[in-house]
Amino acid sequence: MLKTRVITAVVLLAVLLPVLYLNNFTLFAVVATVFFGAAIWESFRLFNPGSARALVIALFWTAAFAYGFFVAGPASAVFWFAISVLIWAVRCAPSLKFGLPPLASGGNTLLSITYAIAIVGCFAAIIALFVHSPVYLLSVMALVWIADIGAYFAGKAFGKRKLAPSISPGKSWEGAIGGACAVLVLASASVLCRCESLADTFAVRAQAKLGWAAMLAILVVIVAASVVGDLFESQLKRRAGVKDSSNLLPGHGGVLDRIDALIPVLPLAALIGAWL
């Protein structure tokens, strides 16, 4: 299992790193569209387990996404960021407390479309952050990865109080707090080191424009959003009775399993970045 995870990770890095740094927008568009299609397909499968229509629906959404963002161009990218943040605030996050609608219900269909729109917003943010610079995009993603790694080790060492026992029994409040602390410490270090290579990262730009207090507050909100995104997908998988969103990435599960925490974070970061 570990060998499979490592091989898959190496292959993904071999594909994604050149895409980020070759500055070839056409190649980036192709890869982004493929990953978007996989995420949408997995999403509709989680909302409609066993349905044969998920692939057809996903192909339609993927074609519309590719045309809207890479051919015609969106009228306003900020709209997608804002609508995504709103979706998470008023619909997806509250479901962690109030639960999901039953499968094969009208509420489930509506939520599946709502979540798909949130995924569109995530990939719209990926495009916007990439256009700004690959380093800027990676700096936002790194915040989520640091939070996840910090939460894992803090949870292992200190975890006692369950964060959401009915959704993801392995997560603890101590882990979530540890992940947030890791992000705050490393982001603050990136600001204090004043390295030219980090000048165009999210944390550095936020601190320069808004000051220390606002930067730290924004980072806490971003970590909280990443936890919500992770828990929401776990809730979908638990309801569907599956361990992973798919097996597209051997040893890692599906694309949605890798980006679940990024789905609420990237539009939020892009929306804040539009003000910086």
Protein backbone atom coordinates (compact mmCIF):
# COMPACT_ATOMS: atom_id res chain seq x y z
CA MET A 1 0.00 0.00 0.00
CA LEU A 2 2.76 2.44 0.93
CA LYS A 3 4.68 1.56 -2.24
CA THR A 4 1.57 2.23 -4.33
CA ARG A 5 1.00 5.58 -2.59
CA VAL A 6 4.60 6.63 -3.22
CA ILE A 7 4.52 5.64 -6.90
CA THR A 8 1.25 7.51 -7.47
CA ALA A 9 2.60 10.58 -5.66
CA VAL A 10 5.77 10.58 -7.79
CA VAL A 11 3.73 10.28 -11.01
CA LEU A 12 1.45 13.15 -9.93
CA LEU A 13 4.43 15.36 -9.10
CA ALA A 14 6.04 14.48 -12.44
CA VAL A 15 2.87 15.69 -14.18
CA LEU A 16 1.90 18.68 -12.03
CA LEU A 17 5.23 20.38 -11.34
CA PRO A 18 6.15 20.88 -15.02
CA VAL A 19 2.60 22.14 -15.67
CA LEU A 20 3.05 24.76 -12.96
CA TYR A 21 6.49 25.93 -13.98
CA LEU A 22 6.58 25.61 -17.78
CA ASN A 23 4.24 28.62 -17.99
CA ASN A 24 2.30 26.91 -20.75
CA PHE A 25 -1.34 27.92 -20.26
CA THR A 26 -2.66 25.43 -22.84
CA LEU A 27 -1.05 22.52 -20.99
CA PHE A 28 -2.34 23.90 -17.70
CA ALA A 29 -5.86 24.17 -19.15
CA VAL A 30 -5.83 20.55 -20.32
CA VAL A 31 -4.64 19.20 -16.96
CA ALA A 32 -7.03 21.41 -14.98
CA THR A 33 -9.96 20.26 -17.14
CA VAL A 34 -9.06 16.59 -16.65
CA PHE A 35 -8.86 16.99 -12.86
CA PHE A 36 -12.08 19.01 -12.82
CA GLY A 37 -13.87 16.28 -14.76
CA ALA A 38 -12.62 13.61 -12.37
CA ALA A 39 -13.71 15.62 -9.31
CA ILE A 40 -17.18 16.31 -10.74
CA TRP A 41 -17.64 12.67 -11.71
CA GLU A 42 -16.67 11.49 -8.23
CA SER A 43 -18.94 14.09 -6.66
CA PHE A 44 -22.04 12.96 -8.55
CA ARG A 45 -21.19 9.33 -7.74
CA LEU A 46 -21.18 10.16 -4.03
CA PHE A 47 -24.57 11.84 -4.31
CA ASN A 48 -26.01 9.07 -6.50
CA PRO A 49 -24.26 5.78 -5.61
CA GLY A 50 -24.60 3.18 -8.33
CA SER A 51 -26.08 5.59 -10.87
CA ALA A 52 -24.93 5.12 -14.45
CA ARG A 53 -25.77 8.75 -15.25
CA ALA A 54 -22.89 10.22 -13.21
CA LEU A 55 -20.42 9.93 -16.11
CA VAL A 56 -22.79 11.59 -18.60
CA ILE A 57 -23.54 14.43 -16.18
CA ALA A 58 -19.84 14.87 -15.46
CA LEU A 59 -18.98 15.07 -19.15
CA PHE A 60 -21.59 17.80 -19.62
CA TRP A 61 -20.25 19.82 -16.67
CA THR A 62 -16.65 19.33 -17.83
CA ALA A 63 -17.41 20.54 -21.36
CA ALA A 64 -19.24 23.57 -19.96
CA PHE A 65 -16.34 24.31 -17.60
CA ALA A 66 -13.71 24.04 -20.35
CA TYR A 67 -15.69 26.28 -22.67
CA GLY A 68 -16.65 28.82 -20.02
CA PHE A 69 -13.19 29.25 -18.51
CA PHE A 70 -10.72 28.41 -21.29
CA VAL A 71 -12.55 29.30 -24.51
CA ALA A 72 -15.08 32.06 -23.86
CA GLY A 73 -13.65 33.20 -20.53
CA PRO A 74 -15.85 33.95 -17.49
CA ALA A 75 -17.52 37.35 -17.27
CA SER A 76 -16.39 37.69 -13.66
CA ALA A 77 -14.12 35.26 -11.83
CA VAL A 78 -14.84 37.09 -8.57
CA PHE A 79 -18.48 36.04 -8.90
CA TRP A 80 -17.44 32.38 -8.75
CA PHE A 81 -15.25 33.00 -5.71
CA ALA A 82 -18.05 34.84 -3.91
CA ILE A 83 -20.77 32.32 -4.73
CA SER A 84 -18.51 29.47 -3.59
CA VAL A 85 -17.78 31.15 -0.26
CA LEU A 86 -21.51 31.77 0.18
CA ILE A 87 -22.34 28.12 -0.59
CA TRP A 88 -19.97 26.91 2.09
CA ALA A 89 -21.18 29.42 4.65
CA VAL A 90 -24.93 28.88 4.25
CA ARG A 91 -25.28 25.29 2.98
CA CYS A 92 -22.29 22.96 3.18
CA ALA A 93 -20.83 23.92 6.57
CA PRO A 94 -24.23 23.83 8.37
CA SER A 95 -24.79 20.28 7.09
CA LEU A 96 -22.02 19.09 9.42
CA LYS A 97 -24.40 19.88 12.29
CA PHE A 98 -27.79 19.27 10.70
CA GLY A 99 -26.92 16.35 8.43
CA LEU A 100 -27.40 15.58 4.74
CA PRO A 101 -30.74 15.03 2.97
CA PRO A 102 -31.69 11.41 2.18
CA LEU A 103 -30.36 9.86 -1.01
CA ALA A 104 -32.80 9.86 -3.93
CA SER A 105 -34.54 12.99 -2.65
CA GLY A 106 -35.06 16.43 -4.15
CA GLY A 107 -32.89 17.94 -1.43
CA ASN A 108 -30.08 15.58 -2.35
CA THR A 109 -30.30 16.55 -6.03
CA LEU A 110 -30.22 20.24 -5.15
CA LEU A 111 -27.23 19.76 -2.84
CA SER A 112 -25.37 17.78 -5.52
CA ILE A 113 -25.73 20.73 -7.91
CA THR A 114 -24.75 23.17 -5.17
CA TYR A 115 -21.59 21.20 -4.37
CA ALA A 116 -20.77 20.96 -8.07
CA ILE A 117 -20.95 24.76 -8.28
CA ALA A 118 -18.55 24.93 -5.33
CA ILE A 119 -16.15 22.68 -7.26
CA VAL A 120 -16.43 25.03 -10.26
CA GLY A 121 -15.53 27.89 -7.91
CA CYS A 122 -12.52 25.95 -6.64
CA PHE A 123 -11.16 25.41 -10.15
CA ALA A 124 -11.96 29.00 -11.11
CA ALA A 125 -9.77 30.00 -8.17
CA ILE A 126 -7.02 27.61 -9.30
CA ILE A 127 -7.01 29.35 -12.68
CA ALA A 128 -6.94 32.84 -11.16
CA LEU A 129 -4.20 32.00 -8.67
CA PHE A 130 -2.12 30.30 -11.38
CA VAL A 131 -2.48 33.30 -13.68
CA HIS A 132 -1.19 35.49 -10.84
CA SER A 133 1.78 33.11 -10.44
CA PRO A 134 2.42 29.40 -9.81
CA VAL A 135 4.16 30.30 -6.53
CA TYR A 136 1.08 32.18 -5.35
CA LEU A 137 -1.14 29.17 -6.13
CA LEU A 138 1.24 26.76 -4.39
CA SER A 139 1.50 29.05 -1.36
CA VAL A 140 -2.25 28.79 -0.77
CA MET A 141 -2.26 25.04 -1.30
CA ALA A 142 0.68 24.72 1.08
CA LEU A 143 -1.38 26.28 3.88
CA VAL A 144 -3.87 23.41 3.58
CA TRP A 145 -1.13 20.78 3.37
CA ILE A 146 0.65 22.19 6.43
CA ALA A 147 -2.63 22.26 8.36
CA ASP A 148 -3.30 18.64 7.41
CA ILE A 149 0.17 17.43 8.37
CA GLY A 150 0.17 19.44 11.59
CA ALA A 151 -3.27 18.09 12.50
CA TYR A 152 -2.13 14.52 11.90
CA PHE A 153 0.88 14.71 14.21
CA ALA A 154 -0.83 16.84 16.85
CA GLY A 155 -3.79 14.48 16.83
CA LYS A 156 -1.53 11.46 17.22
CA ALA A 157 0.31 13.06 20.12
CA PHE A 158 -2.45 14.90 21.98
CA GLY A 159 -5.80 13.98 20.45
CA LYS A 160 -8.51 13.23 23.02
CA ARG A 161 -11.62 15.23 22.21
CA LYS A 162 -13.31 14.12 18.99
CA LEU A 163 -13.98 16.89 16.50
CA ALA A 164 -16.84 15.18 14.62
CA PRO A 165 -17.18 11.60 15.91
CA SER A 166 -20.20 10.74 13.75
CA ILE A 167 -18.47 11.91 10.57
CA SER A 168 -14.74 11.30 10.99
CA PRO A 169 -13.87 9.59 14.30
CA GLY A 170 -10.13 9.97 13.74
CA LYS A 171 -10.15 13.78 13.87
CA SER A 172 -9.74 15.65 17.15
CA TRP A 173 -9.93 19.22 18.38
CA GLU A 174 -6.30 18.97 19.49
CA GLY A 175 -5.32 17.94 15.96
CA ALA A 176 -7.23 20.82 14.37
CA ILE A 177 -5.66 23.31 16.78
CA GLY A 178 -2.22 21.80 16.16
CA GLY A 179 -2.71 22.18 12.40
CA ALA A 180 -3.71 25.82 12.84
CA CYS A 181 -0.67 26.49 15.03
CA ALA A 182 1.63 24.92 12.42
CA VAL A 183 0.17 27.19 9.73
CA LEU A 184 0.49 30.31 11.89
CA VAL A 185 4.09 29.54 12.85
CA LEU A 186 5.33 28.68 9.37
CA ALA A 187 3.43 31.50 7.68
CA SER A 188 4.82 33.98 10.22
CA ALA A 189 8.32 32.62 9.60
CA SER A 190 7.86 33.13 5.85
CA VAL A 191 6.99 36.78 6.50
CA LEU A 192 9.84 37.38 8.94
CA CYS A 193 12.53 35.78 6.76
CA ARG A 194 11.95 38.43 4.07
CA CYS A 195 13.15 36.10 1.32
CA GLU A 196 12.71 37.37 -2.21
CA SER A 197 11.51 33.93 -3.31
CA LEU A 198 8.59 34.19 -0.84
CA ALA A 199 7.62 37.77 -1.63
CA ASP A 200 4.72 36.70 -3.85
CA THR A 201 3.19 34.18 -1.44
CA PHE A 202 -0.26 34.56 0.05
CA ALA A 203 0.77 35.07 3.68
CA VAL A 204 3.48 37.59 2.86
CA ARG A 205 1.17 39.65 0.65
CA ALA A 206 -1.64 39.53 3.22
CA GLN A 207 0.66 40.74 5.99
CA ALA A 208 2.11 43.51 3.84
CA LYS A 209 -1.32 44.80 2.84
CA LEU A 210 -3.40 44.18 5.98
CA GLY A 211 -0.96 43.82 8.87
CA TRP A 212 -0.18 41.03 11.30
CA ALA A 213 -3.52 40.73 13.11
CA ALA A 214 -5.55 40.52 9.91
CA MET A 215 -3.13 38.04 8.34
CA LEU A 216 -3.27 35.71 11.35
CA ALA A 217 -7.07 35.96 11.48
CA ILE A 218 -7.33 35.14 7.76
CA LEU A 219 -5.07 32.12 8.21
CA VAL A 220 -7.22 30.80 11.07
CA VAL A 221 -10.32 31.14 8.87
CA ILE A 222 -8.53 29.34 6.02
CA VAL A 223 -7.56 26.45 8.31
CA ALA A 224 -11.15 26.24 9.59
CA ALA A 225 -12.41 26.19 5.99
CA SER A 226 -10.02 23.35 5.13
CA VAL A 227 -11.35 21.29 8.05
CA VAL A 228 -14.94 21.92 6.94
CA GLY A 229 -14.14 20.84 3.37
CA ASP A 230 -12.50 17.65 4.61
CA LEU A 231 -15.37 16.80 6.95
CA PHE A 232 -18.03 17.53 4.33
CA GLU A 233 -16.55 15.04 1.88
CA SER A 234 -16.17 12.49 4.71
CA GLN A 235 -19.86 13.00 5.42
CA LEU A 236 -20.70 12.33 1.77
CA LYS A 237 -18.60 9.16 1.73
CA ARG A 238 -20.07 7.88 5.00
CA ARG A 239 -23.60 8.37 3.68
CA ALA A 240 -22.73 6.65 0.38
CA GLY A 241 -21.05 3.78 2.25
CA VAL A 242 -17.66 4.11 0.53
CA LYS A 243 -14.12 4.58 1.82
CA ASP A 244 -12.81 6.68 -1.10
CA SER A 245 -14.43 8.91 -3.70
CA SER A 246 -12.97 6.60 -6.39
CA ASN A 247 -9.85 4.57 -7.13
CA LEU A 248 -8.46 6.87 -9.82
CA LEU A 249 -5.33 7.52 -7.75
CA PRO A 250 -4.08 4.13 -6.52
CA GLY A 251 -3.16 4.26 -2.85
CA HIS A 252 -4.72 7.72 -2.46
CA GLY A 253 -8.36 7.15 -3.42
CA GLY A 254 -9.86 9.68 -5.77
CA VAL A 255 -9.20 13.22 -6.91
CA LEU A 256 -11.90 14.51 -4.56
CA ASP A 257 -10.10 12.83 -1.66
CA ARG A 258 -7.00 14.90 -2.48
CA ILE A 259 -8.73 18.25 -2.99
CA ASP A 260 -11.66 18.12 -0.54
CA ALA A 261 -10.02 20.60 1.86
CA LEU A 262 -9.03 22.87 -1.03
CA ILE A 263 -12.57 23.24 -2.40
CA PRO A 264 -13.66 25.85 0.19
CA VAL A 265 -10.18 27.31 0.73
CA LEU A 266 -9.10 28.28 -2.78
CA PRO A 267 -12.15 30.46 -3.64
CA LEU A 268 -11.84 32.13 -0.22
CA ALA A 269 -8.15 32.83 -0.77
CA ALA A 270 -8.81 34.08 -4.32
CA LEU A 271 -11.56 36.39 -3.06
CA ILE A 272 -9.26 37.81 -0.39
CA GLY A 273 -6.44 37.99 -2.92
CA ALA A 274 -8.61 40.15 -5.18
CA TRP A 275 -8.49 42.80 -2.43
CA LEU A 276 -4.75 42.55 -1.77
